[in-house]
Structures are given as C-alpha cells and as structure tokens.
Amino acid sequence: MKSKLVKIYQMKKGGQIFINATGINKEGDFYSKSPASDFGRCLCSSATNGEIGKAVKEVLTNCD
C-alpha cells in the first residue's frame, strides 16, 4: 500500500499557511520536496476551509 503525506504549517509571524508535498526515499522515509514553490502552496492567514481543502488536493497530486 502506498501512502502520501502533506506537510502543513503556519508561520507565527504573519500567519501564512504553507502546504508542501513530500516524496519517499529509498529507505521508505518521507522527505519534503523542493523547491516548495513548485511542489507546494502558500495561502494567506484568512484562507477559508474550502480554499485550504482545494490546495491540499492540488498538492497531493505532487506527492510520490
């Protein structure tokens, strides 16, 4: 079974929400894909649940 992992975090200063895709290395461990601008999304702190959900769906397509 293949798993996907999305990293979501919020900046303390400014409150921006960052959503980043991950990959799986040879050992089976997750790593954050970079550059984040290609594999992730950044949302403003006032993003709605719908906007966050849509961004997560988009980022999941970039996960291995």
PDB file of N, CA and C in Angstrom:
ATOM      1  N   MET A   1       0.833  -1.172   0.000  1.00  0.00           N
ATOM      2  CA  MET A   1       0.000   0.000   0.000  1.00  0.00           C
ATOM      3  C   MET A   1       0.884   1.244   0.000  1.00  0.00           C
ATOM      4  N   LYS A   2       0.554   2.194  -0.828  1.00  0.00           N
ATOM      5  CA  LYS A   2       1.328   3.413  -0.948  1.00  0.00           C
ATOM      6  C   LYS A   2       0.659   4.522  -0.156  1.00  0.00           C
ATOM      7  N   SER A   3       1.453   5.265   0.606  1.00  0.00           N
ATOM      8  CA  SER A   3       0.936   6.374   1.410  1.00  0.00           C
ATOM      9  C   SER A   3       1.386   7.693   0.815  1.00  0.00           C
ATOM     10  N   LYS A   4       0.630   8.736   1.105  1.00  0.00           N
ATOM     11  CA  LYS A   4       1.005  10.090   0.729  1.00  0.00           C
ATOM     12  C   LYS A   4       0.964  10.944   1.983  1.00  0.00           C
ATOM     13  N   LEU A   5       1.882  11.906   2.064  1.00  0.00           N
ATOM     14  CA  LEU A   5       1.965  12.779   3.221  1.00  0.00           C
ATOM     15  C   LEU A   5       2.090  14.213   2.733  1.00  0.00           C
ATOM     16  N   VAL A   6       1.314  15.089   3.330  1.00  0.00           N
ATOM     17  CA  VAL A   6       1.373  16.520   3.038  1.00  0.00           C
ATOM     18  C   VAL A   6       1.768  17.219   4.321  1.00  0.00           C
ATOM     19  N   LYS A   7       2.773  18.089   4.249  1.00  0.00           N
ATOM     20  CA  LYS A   7       3.208  18.876   5.413  1.00  0.00           C
ATOM     21  C   LYS A   7       2.470  20.210   5.379  1.00  0.00           C
ATOM     22  N   ILE A   8       1.788  20.544   6.474  1.00  0.00           N
ATOM     23  CA  ILE A   8       1.062  21.811   6.584  1.00  0.00           C
ATOM     24  C   ILE A   8       1.554  22.521   7.834  1.00  0.00           C
ATOM     25  N   TYR A   9       1.965  23.757   7.670  1.00  0.00           N
ATOM     26  CA  TYR A   9       2.387  24.532   8.821  1.00  0.00           C
ATOM     27  C   TYR A   9       2.024  25.991   8.624  1.00  0.00           C
ATOM     28  N   GLN A  10       1.965  26.730   9.733  1.00  0.00           N
ATOM     29  CA  GLN A  10       1.589  28.133   9.716  1.00  0.00           C
ATOM     30  C   GLN A  10       2.699  28.953  10.366  1.00  0.00           C
ATOM     31  N   MET A  11       3.086  30.028   9.717  1.00  0.00           N
ATOM     32  CA  MET A  11       4.116  30.914  10.243  1.00  0.00           C
ATOM     33  C   MET A  11       3.580  31.649  11.469  1.00  0.00           C
ATOM     34  N   LYS A  12       4.413  31.773  12.497  1.00  0.00           N
ATOM     35  CA  LYS A  12       3.999  32.504  13.707  1.00  0.00           C
ATOM     36  C   LYS A  12       3.786  33.975  13.389  1.00  0.00           C
ATOM     37  N   LYS A  13       4.690  34.537  12.611  1.00  0.00           N
ATOM     38  CA  LYS A  13       4.615  35.951  12.270  1.00  0.00           C
ATOM     39  C   LYS A  13       3.951  36.070  10.901  1.00  0.00           C
ATOM     40  N   GLY A  14       2.833  36.711  10.830  1.00  0.00           N
ATOM     41  CA  GLY A  14       2.138  36.893   9.559  1.00  0.00           C
ATOM     42  C   GLY A  14       1.013  35.897   9.349  1.00  0.00           C
ATOM     43  N   GLY A  15       1.154  34.681   9.843  1.00  0.00           N
ATOM     44  CA  GLY A  15       0.096  33.691   9.787  1.00  0.00           C
ATOM     45  C   GLY A  15      -0.103  32.982   8.468  1.00  0.00           C
ATOM     46  N   GLN A  16       0.828  33.122   7.505  1.00  0.00           N
ATOM     47  CA  GLN A  16       0.669  32.422   6.235  1.00  0.00           C
ATOM     48  C   GLN A  16       0.661  30.913   6.447  1.00  0.00           C
ATOM     49  N   ILE A  17      -0.122  30.230   5.620  1.00  0.00           N
ATOM     50  CA  ILE A  17      -0.239  28.777   5.697  1.00  0.00           C
ATOM     51  C   ILE A  17       0.541  28.176   4.535  1.00  0.00           C
ATOM     52  N   PHE A  18       1.462  27.269   4.845  1.00  0.00           N
ATOM     53  CA  PHE A  18       2.266  26.616   3.834  1.00  0.00           C
ATOM     54  C   PHE A  18       1.880  25.141   3.759  1.00  0.00           C
ATOM     55  N   ILE A  19       1.674  24.656   2.540  1.00  0.00           N
ATOM     56  CA  ILE A  19       1.328  23.255   2.310  1.00  0.00           C
ATOM     57  C   ILE A  19       2.373  22.714   1.345  1.00  0.00           C
ATOM     58  N   ASN A  20       3.099  21.669   1.754  1.00  0.00           N
ATOM     59  CA  ASN A  20       4.201  21.163   0.941  1.00  0.00           C
ATOM     60  C   ASN A  20       4.043  19.674   0.667  1.00  0.00           C
ATOM     61  N   ALA A  21       4.358  19.282  -0.555  1.00  0.00           N
ATOM     62  CA  ALA A  21       4.312  17.877  -0.958  1.00  0.00           C
ATOM     63  C   ALA A  21       5.550  17.142  -0.457  1.00  0.00           C
ATOM     64  N   THR A  22       5.434  15.834  -0.322  1.00  0.00           N
ATOM     65  CA  THR A  22       6.557  15.001   0.106  1.00  0.00           C
ATOM     66  C   THR A  22       6.769  13.865  -0.885  1.00  0.00           C
ATOM     67  N   GLY A  23       7.939  13.284  -0.793  1.00  0.00           N
ATOM     68  CA  GLY A  23       8.270  12.096  -1.566  1.00  0.00           C
ATOM     69  C   GLY A  23       8.746  11.016  -0.610  1.00  0.00           C
ATOM     70  N   ILE A  24       9.059   9.845  -1.142  1.00  0.00           N
ATOM     71  CA  ILE A  24       9.547   8.739  -0.321  1.00  0.00           C
ATOM     72  C   ILE A  24      10.918   8.338  -0.852  1.00  0.00           C
ATOM     73  N   ASN A  25      11.931   8.307   0.022  1.00  0.00           N
ATOM     74  CA  ASN A  25      13.279   7.930  -0.412  1.00  0.00           C
ATOM     75  C   ASN A  25      13.435   6.411  -0.442  1.00  0.00           C
ATOM     76  N   LYS A  26      14.635   5.943  -0.771  1.00  0.00           N
ATOM     77  CA  LYS A  26      14.891   4.500  -0.909  1.00  0.00           C
ATOM     78  C   LYS A  26      14.661   3.727   0.381  1.00  0.00           C
ATOM     79  N   GLU A  27      14.868   4.390   1.526  1.00  0.00           N
ATOM     80  CA  GLU A  27      14.681   3.735   2.825  1.00  0.00           C
ATOM     81  C   GLU A  27      13.220   3.723   3.257  1.00  0.00           C
ATOM     82  N   GLY A  28      12.352   4.374   2.495  1.00  0.00           N
ATOM     83  CA  GLY A  28      10.936   4.420   2.833  1.00  0.00           C
ATOM     84  C   GLY A  28      10.546   5.579   3.729  1.00  0.00           C
ATOM     85  N   ASP A  29      11.464   6.535   3.914  1.00  0.00           N
ATOM     86  CA  ASP A  29      11.188   7.701   4.752  1.00  0.00           C
ATOM     87  C   ASP A  29      10.657   8.849   3.901  1.00  0.00           C
ATOM     88  N   PHE A  30       9.810   9.672   4.495  1.00  0.00           N
ATOM     89  CA  PHE A  30       9.271  10.835   3.793  1.00  0.00           C
ATOM     90  C   PHE A  30      10.269  11.982   3.828  1.00  0.00           C
ATOM     91  N   TYR A  31      10.302  12.766   2.756  1.00  0.00           N
ATOM     92  CA  TYR A  31      11.101  13.989   2.707  1.00  0.00           C
ATOM     93  C   TYR A  31      10.283  15.067   2.011  1.00  0.00           C
ATOM     94  N   SER A  32      10.527  16.328   2.372  1.00  0.00           N
ATOM     95  CA  SER A  32       9.828  17.439   1.740  1.00  0.00           C
ATOM     96  C   SER A  32      10.434  17.694   0.377  1.00  0.00           C
ATOM     97  N   LYS A  33       9.589  17.778  -0.628  1.00  0.00           N
ATOM     98  CA  LYS A  33      10.068  18.063  -1.972  1.00  0.00           C
ATOM     99  C   LYS A  33      10.429  19.537  -2.081  1.00  0.00           C
ATOM    100  N   SER A  34      11.438  19.822  -2.866  1.00  0.00           N
ATOM    101  CA  SER A  34      11.820  21.210  -3.057  1.00  0.00           C
ATOM    102  C   SER A  34      12.141  21.451  -4.527  1.00  0.00           C
ATOM    103  N   PRO A  35      11.995  22.638  -5.003  1.00  0.00           N
ATOM    104  CA  PRO A  35      11.611  23.839  -4.283  1.00  0.00           C
ATOM    105  C   PRO A  35      10.122  23.829  -3.945  1.00  0.00           C
ATOM    106  N   ALA A  36       9.808  24.343  -2.791  1.00  0.00           N
ATOM    107  CA  ALA A  36       8.419  24.348  -2.314  1.00  0.00           C
ATOM    108  C   ALA A  36       7.508  25.125  -3.255  1.00  0.00           C
ATOM    109  N   SER A  37       8.058  26.107  -3.956  1.00  0.00           N
ATOM    110  CA  SER A  37       7.230  26.895  -4.879  1.00  0.00           C
ATOM    111  C   SER A  37       6.711  26.045  -6.033  1.00  0.00           C
ATOM    112  N   ASP A  38       7.411  24.964  -6.377  1.00  0.00           N
ATOM    113  CA  ASP A  38       6.961  24.066  -7.447  1.00  0.00           C
ATOM    114  C   ASP A  38       6.054  22.952  -6.938  1.00  0.00           C
ATOM    115  N   PHE A  39       6.257  22.510  -5.700  1.00  0.00           N
ATOM    116  CA  PHE A  39       5.545  21.345  -5.180  1.00  0.00           C
ATOM    117  C   PHE A  39       4.567  21.666  -4.061  1.00  0.00           C
ATOM    118  N   GLY A  40       4.395  22.925  -3.719  1.00  0.00           N
ATOM    119  CA  GLY A  40       3.526  23.288  -2.611  1.00  0.00           C
ATOM    120  C   GLY A  40       2.711  24.530  -2.896  1.00  0.00           C
ATOM    121  N   ARG A  41       2.024  24.987  -1.870  1.00  0.00           N
ATOM    122  CA  ARG A  41       1.195  26.189  -1.971  1.00  0.00           C
ATOM    123  C   ARG A  41       1.382  27.026  -0.720  1.00  0.00           C
ATOM    124  N   CYS A  42       1.198  28.316  -0.867  1.00  0.00           N
ATOM    125  CA  CYS A  42       1.215  29.252   0.246  1.00  0.00           C
ATOM    126  C   CYS A  42      -0.106  29.998   0.217  1.00  0.00           C
ATOM    127  N   LEU A  43      -0.800  30.029   1.341  1.00  0.00           N
ATOM    128  CA  LEU A  43      -2.095  30.701   1.438  1.00  0.00           C
ATOM    129  C   LEU A  43      -2.030  31.783   2.509  1.00  0.00           C
ATOM    130  N   CYS A  44      -2.872  32.795   2.370  1.00  0.00           N
ATOM    131  CA  CYS A  44      -2.921  33.846   3.387  1.00  0.00           C
ATOM    132  C   CYS A  44      -3.601  33.300   4.647  1.00  0.00           C
ATOM    133  N   SER A  45      -3.395  33.982   5.730  1.00  0.00           N
ATOM    134  CA  SER A  45      -3.930  33.514   7.013  1.00  0.00           C
ATOM    135  C   SER A  45      -5.458  33.540   7.056  1.00  0.00           C
ATOM    136  N   SER A  46      -6.090  34.284   6.166  1.00  0.00           N
ATOM    137  CA  SER A  46      -7.552  34.359   6.157  1.00  0.00           C
ATOM    138  C   SER A  46      -8.188  33.380   5.162  1.00  0.00           C
ATOM    139  N   ALA A  47      -7.432  32.388   4.705  1.00  0.00           N
ATOM    140  CA  ALA A  47      -7.954  31.405   3.753  1.00  0.00           C
ATOM    141  C   ALA A  47      -9.103  30.621   4.379  1.00  0.00           C
ATOM    142  N   THR A  48     -10.120  30.336   3.580  1.00  0.00           N
ATOM    143  CA  THR A  48     -11.265  29.573   4.061  1.00  0.00           C
ATOM    144  C   THR A  48     -10.941  28.081   4.057  1.00  0.00           C
ATOM    145  N   ASN A  49     -11.774  27.303   4.731  1.00  0.00           N
ATOM    146  CA  ASN A  49     -11.583  25.851   4.741  1.00  0.00           C
ATOM    147  C   ASN A  49     -11.653  25.291   3.328  1.00  0.00           C
ATOM    148  N   GLY A  50     -12.522  25.844   2.487  1.00  0.00           N
ATOM    149  CA  GLY A  50     -12.637  25.385   1.107  1.00  0.00           C
ATOM    150  C   GLY A  50     -11.363  25.632   0.316  1.00  0.00           C
ATOM    151  N   GLU A  51     -10.755  26.803   0.509  1.00  0.00           N
ATOM    152  CA  GLU A  51      -9.505  27.125  -0.180  1.00  0.00           C
ATOM    153  C   GLU A  51      -8.369  26.214   0.288  1.00  0.00           C
ATOM    154  N   ILE A  52      -8.332  25.945   1.584  1.00  0.00           N
ATOM    155  CA  ILE A  52      -7.296  25.053   2.120  1.00  0.00           C
ATOM    156  C   ILE A  52      -7.492  23.642   1.578  1.00  0.00           C
ATOM    157  N   GLY A  53      -8.722  23.161   1.559  1.00  0.00           N
ATOM    158  CA  GLY A  53      -9.010  21.826   1.027  1.00  0.00           C
ATOM    159  C   GLY A  53      -8.621  21.694  -0.434  1.00  0.00           C
ATOM    160  N   LYS A  54      -8.918  22.714  -1.224  1.00  0.00           N
ATOM    161  CA  LYS A  54      -8.568  22.699  -2.652  1.00  0.00           C
ATOM    162  C   LYS A  54      -7.053  22.679  -2.827  1.00  0.00           C
ATOM    163  N   ALA A  55      -6.338  23.464  -2.008  1.00  0.00           N
ATOM    164  CA  ALA A  55      -4.879  23.500  -2.085  1.00  0.00           C
ATOM    165  C   ALA A  55      -4.280  22.149  -1.702  1.00  0.00           C
ATOM    166  N   VAL A  56      -4.822  21.499  -0.677  1.00  0.00           N
ATOM    167  CA  VAL A  56      -4.329  20.179  -0.264  1.00  0.00           C
ATOM    168  C   VAL A  56      -4.519  19.174  -1.392  1.00  0.00           C
ATOM    169  N   LYS A  57      -5.672  19.190  -2.058  1.00  0.00           N
ATOM    170  CA  LYS A  57      -5.909  18.282  -3.192  1.00  0.00           C
ATOM    171  C   LYS A  57      -4.894  18.500  -4.296  1.00  0.00           C
ATOM    172  N   GLU A  58      -4.584  19.770  -4.598  1.00  0.00           N
ATOM    173  CA  GLU A  58      -3.619  20.080  -5.640  1.00  0.00           C
ATOM    174  C   GLU A  58      -2.222  19.594  -5.257  1.00  0.00           C
ATOM    175  N   VAL A  59      -1.832  19.806  -4.004  1.00  0.00           N
ATOM    176  CA  VAL A  59      -0.519  19.414  -3.546  1.00  0.00           C
ATOM    177  C   VAL A  59      -0.394  17.893  -3.509  1.00  0.00           C
ATOM    178  N   LEU A  60      -1.448  17.196  -3.179  1.00  0.00           N
ATOM    179  CA  LEU A  60      -1.408  15.719  -3.151  1.00  0.00           C
ATOM    180  C   LEU A  60      -1.042  15.134  -4.512  1.00  0.00           C
ATOM    181  N   THR A  61      -1.380  15.823  -5.589  1.00  0.00           N
ATOM    182  CA  THR A  61      -1.018  15.323  -6.922  1.00  0.00           C
ATOM    183  C   THR A  61       0.488  15.375  -7.135  1.00  0.00           C
ATOM    184  N   ASN A  62       1.215  16.189  -6.353  1.00  0.00           N
ATOM    185  CA  ASN A  62       2.679  16.290  -6.471  1.00  0.00           C
ATOM    186  C   ASN A  62       3.423  15.316  -5.556  1.00  0.00           C
ATOM    187  N   CYS A  63       2.687  14.602  -4.713  1.00  0.00           N
ATOM    188  CA  CYS A  63       3.327  13.630  -3.808  1.00  0.00           C
ATOM    189  C   CYS A  63       3.627  12.343  -4.555  1.00  0.00           C
ATOM    190  N   ASP A  64       4.701  11.675  -4.129  1.00  0.00           N
ATOM    191  CA  ASP A  64       5.046  10.369  -4.712  1.00  0.00           C
ATOM    192  C   ASP A  64       4.146   9.292  -4.167  1.00  0.00           C
TER     193      ASP A  64
END
